Structure formats: structure tokens, C-alpha cells
Amino acid sequence: MQSANCLQMLETMFACWRIGAVWVPANFRLSPDDLAYLAQSSGAKAMFCGAQFPDHAAACAVHIPAIISIGPSPLGPDHDALIARHMGRMPPEASVARDDPAWFF
């Protein structure tokens, strides 16, 4: 997650936990290279990225197969458009154990 604080940030956090994924929030002040290191070391499979951070998305693209934009952007599909398309559908709740990781800093 590369974004300034916003509603979409919280939505992705809870969505990750619902499906059993590990949420990887980044400080939006990190450099593109720092974020690329975080993407690689976390093993992230998808990135939610604010449209105002195209350099960060580009730096992470070699490590992350899917980039979802927060706000209209050529970075990838738009978060809000994806939400609208799937509105009313809920993924099944993941079965997680007490000690399963929830996020990676």
C-alpha cells in the first residue's frame, strides 16, 4: 500500500485481512527505491498505489504482478472502479490462526 491516508487505505486493509492476506503499508514518504525493496522483501502479489506516486509504482512493477491505482491513472485498474464492479459481493472469510501475520512493516 503506497498512499497518503485515505478511505481506500482502510478498505484495502480490511479486505486483506478478510481474505487472509498480509497487508504491507508503506510510509508515503519512502523513496521509490525503498518501496521497491519493501515490495521484494515482503513478497507482495499486488500493490495499491495512489495515482500521485507513478515513480513508486514503476519501481515496484518488476517485483509485483498487479498494481491497482487509487484514483484514475495509467498505473493499473482503479480501486474505486473495482469496488463498484464487485459491490454487494463478499469473498469468503479466510480461516486464520491466532499467530498468522496480519501485516508486514
C-alpha atoms as a PDB file:
ATOM      1  CA  MET A   1       0.000   0.000   0.000  1.00  0.00           C
ATOM      2  CA  GLN A   2       1.600   3.229  -1.210  1.00  0.00           C
ATOM      3  CA  SER A   3      -0.773   6.048  -0.426  1.00  0.00           C
ATOM      4  CA  ALA A   4      -1.369   9.048   1.735  1.00  0.00           C
ATOM      5  CA  ASN A   5      -4.067   8.393   4.337  1.00  0.00           C
ATOM      6  CA  CYS A   6      -7.417   7.844   2.651  1.00  0.00           C
ATOM      7  CA  LEU A   7     -10.569   5.743   2.803  1.00  0.00           C
ATOM      8  CA  GLN A   8      -9.196   3.308   0.214  1.00  0.00           C
ATOM      9  CA  MET A   9      -6.275   2.577   2.529  1.00  0.00           C
ATOM     10  CA  LEU A  10      -8.615   1.341   5.254  1.00  0.00           C
ATOM     11  CA  GLU A  11     -10.746  -0.584   2.759  1.00  0.00           C
ATOM     12  CA  THR A  12      -7.738  -2.492   1.473  1.00  0.00           C
ATOM     13  CA  MET A  13      -6.513  -3.221   4.983  1.00  0.00           C
ATOM     14  CA  PHE A  14      -9.799  -4.844   5.998  1.00  0.00           C
ATOM     15  CA  ALA A  15     -10.142  -6.612   2.626  1.00  0.00           C
ATOM     16  CA  CYS A  16      -6.672  -8.130   3.023  1.00  0.00           C
ATOM     17  CA  TRP A  17      -7.491  -9.415   6.463  1.00  0.00           C
ATOM     18  CA  ARG A  18     -10.825 -10.848   5.308  1.00  0.00           C
ATOM     19  CA  ILE A  19      -9.147 -12.949   2.618  1.00  0.00           C
ATOM     20  CA  GLY A  20      -6.181 -13.923   4.828  1.00  0.00           C
ATOM     21  CA  ALA A  21      -3.629 -11.773   3.006  1.00  0.00           C
ATOM     22  CA  VAL A  22      -0.862  -9.856   4.747  1.00  0.00           C
ATOM     23  CA  TRP A  23      -1.237  -6.078   4.472  1.00  0.00           C
ATOM     24  CA  VAL A  24       2.002  -4.198   3.747  1.00  0.00           C
ATOM     25  CA  PRO A  25       1.534  -0.483   4.458  1.00  0.00           C
ATOM     26  CA  ALA A  26       4.311   1.875   3.420  1.00  0.00           C
ATOM     27  CA  ASN A  27       5.045   5.368   4.593  1.00  0.00           C
ATOM     28  CA  PHE A  28       4.103   7.555   1.642  1.00  0.00           C
ATOM     29  CA  ARG A  29       7.347   9.487   2.163  1.00  0.00           C
ATOM     30  CA  LEU A  30       9.509   6.496   1.209  1.00  0.00           C
ATOM     31  CA  SER A  31      11.553   6.790  -1.966  1.00  0.00           C
ATOM     32  CA  PRO A  32      10.694   4.602  -4.966  1.00  0.00           C
ATOM     33  CA  ASP A  33      13.831   2.504  -4.317  1.00  0.00           C
ATOM     34  CA  ASP A  34      12.898   1.994  -0.655  1.00  0.00           C
ATOM     35  CA  LEU A  35       9.420   0.908  -1.670  1.00  0.00           C
ATOM     36  CA  ALA A  36      10.806  -1.491  -4.292  1.00  0.00           C
ATOM     37  CA  TYR A  37      12.909  -3.111  -1.557  1.00  0.00           C
ATOM     38  CA  LEU A  38       9.807  -3.456   0.626  1.00  0.00           C
ATOM     39  CA  ALA A  39       7.866  -4.955  -2.287  1.00  0.00           C
ATOM     40  CA  GLN A  40      10.579  -7.513  -2.939  1.00  0.00           C
ATOM     41  CA  SER A  41      11.254  -8.422   0.688  1.00  0.00           C
ATOM     42  CA  SER A  42       7.568  -8.811   1.542  1.00  0.00           C
ATOM     43  CA  GLY A  43       6.797 -10.984  -1.471  1.00  0.00           C
ATOM     44  CA  ALA A  44       3.793  -8.780  -2.297  1.00  0.00           C
ATOM     45  CA  LYS A  45       1.476 -10.056  -5.039  1.00  0.00           C
ATOM     46  CA  ALA A  46      -0.494  -6.838  -5.550  1.00  0.00           C
ATOM     47  CA  MET A  47       0.083  -3.158  -4.900  1.00  0.00           C
ATOM     48  CA  PHE A  48      -2.452  -0.449  -4.216  1.00  0.00           C
ATOM     49  CA  CYS A  49      -0.825   2.813  -5.211  1.00  0.00           C
ATOM     50  CA  GLY A  50      -2.028   6.393  -5.091  1.00  0.00           C
ATOM     51  CA  ALA A  51      -2.147   7.915  -8.572  1.00  0.00           C
ATOM     52  CA  GLN A  52       0.247  10.629  -7.376  1.00  0.00           C
ATOM     53  CA  PHE A  53       3.046   8.022  -6.983  1.00  0.00           C
ATOM     54  CA  PRO A  54       3.808   6.790 -10.533  1.00  0.00           C
ATOM     55  CA  ASP A  55       7.550   6.528  -9.858  1.00  0.00           C
ATOM     56  CA  HIS A  56       6.879   4.260  -6.866  1.00  0.00           C
ATOM     57  CA  ALA A  57       4.626   2.008  -8.938  1.00  0.00           C
ATOM     58  CA  ALA A  58       7.223   1.813 -11.707  1.00  0.00           C
ATOM     59  CA  ALA A  59       9.961   0.867  -9.238  1.00  0.00           C
ATOM     60  CA  CYS A  60       7.794  -1.917  -7.790  1.00  0.00           C
ATOM     61  CA  ALA A  61       6.440  -3.272 -11.088  1.00  0.00           C
ATOM     62  CA  VAL A  62       9.358  -5.705 -11.503  1.00  0.00           C
ATOM     63  CA  HIS A  63       8.508  -7.297  -8.143  1.00  0.00           C
ATOM     64  CA  ILE A  64       4.696  -7.125  -8.081  1.00  0.00           C
ATOM     65  CA  PRO A  65       2.464  -8.666 -10.752  1.00  0.00           C
ATOM     66  CA  ALA A  66      -0.611  -6.454 -10.140  1.00  0.00           C
ATOM     67  CA  ILE A  67      -0.825  -2.721  -9.483  1.00  0.00           C
ATOM     68  CA  ILE A  68      -4.171  -1.154  -8.597  1.00  0.00           C
ATOM     69  CA  SER A  69      -4.417   2.605  -8.726  1.00  0.00           C
ATOM     70  CA  ILE A  70      -6.104   4.743  -6.118  1.00  0.00           C
ATOM     71  CA  GLY A  71      -7.546   7.355  -8.424  1.00  0.00           C
ATOM     72  CA  PRO A  72      -7.702   7.233 -12.206  1.00  0.00           C
ATOM     73  CA  SER A  73      -4.251   6.585 -13.594  1.00  0.00           C
ATOM     74  CA  PRO A  74      -2.397   4.567 -16.218  1.00  0.00           C
ATOM     75  CA  LEU A  75      -0.779   2.673 -13.310  1.00  0.00           C
ATOM     76  CA  GLY A  76      -3.469  -0.002 -13.435  1.00  0.00           C
ATOM     77  CA  PRO A  77      -7.138  -0.615 -12.758  1.00  0.00           C
ATOM     78  CA  ASP A  78      -8.781   1.941 -10.480  1.00  0.00           C
ATOM     79  CA  HIS A  79      -9.585   0.836  -6.932  1.00  0.00           C
ATOM     80  CA  ASP A  80     -12.977   2.569  -6.819  1.00  0.00           C
ATOM     81  CA  ALA A  81     -13.993   1.098 -10.198  1.00  0.00           C
ATOM     82  CA  LEU A  82     -13.122  -2.393  -8.929  1.00  0.00           C
ATOM     83  CA  ILE A  83     -15.169  -1.822  -5.784  1.00  0.00           C
ATOM     84  CA  ALA A  84     -18.147  -0.615  -7.822  1.00  0.00           C
ATOM     85  CA  ARG A  85     -17.930  -3.628 -10.131  1.00  0.00           C
ATOM     86  CA  HIS A  86     -17.999  -6.062  -7.201  1.00  0.00           C
ATOM     87  CA  MET A  87     -20.376  -4.123  -4.936  1.00  0.00           C
ATOM     88  CA  GLY A  88     -22.579  -6.391  -2.837  1.00  0.00           C
ATOM     89  CA  ARG A  89     -20.371  -9.471  -3.222  1.00  0.00           C
ATOM     90  CA  MET A  90     -18.348 -10.654  -0.270  1.00  0.00           C
ATOM     91  CA  PRO A  91     -15.380 -13.001  -0.501  1.00  0.00           C
ATOM     92  CA  PRO A  92     -15.414 -15.849   1.991  1.00  0.00           C
ATOM     93  CA  GLU A  93     -13.748 -15.172   5.300  1.00  0.00           C
ATOM     94  CA  ALA A  94     -10.298 -16.753   5.448  1.00  0.00           C
ATOM     95  CA  SER A  95      -9.517 -19.211   8.162  1.00  0.00           C
ATOM     96  CA  VAL A  96      -6.569 -17.804  10.071  1.00  0.00           C
ATOM     97  CA  ALA A  97      -4.805 -18.827  13.237  1.00  0.00           C
ATOM     98  CA  ARG A  98      -4.011 -16.568  16.150  1.00  0.00           C
ATOM     99  CA  ASP A  99      -0.327 -16.300  15.220  1.00  0.00           C
ATOM    100  CA  ASP A 100      -0.747 -15.798  11.458  1.00  0.00           C
ATOM    101  CA  PRO A 101       0.738 -12.472  10.340  1.00  0.00           C
ATOM    102  CA  ALA A 102      -1.701  -9.659   9.613  1.00  0.00           C
ATOM    103  CA  TRP A 103       0.734  -7.058   8.324  1.00  0.00           C
ATOM    104  CA  PHE A 104       4.347  -6.579   7.344  1.00  0.00           C
ATOM    105  CA  PHE A 105       6.236  -3.419   8.270  1.00  0.00           C
END
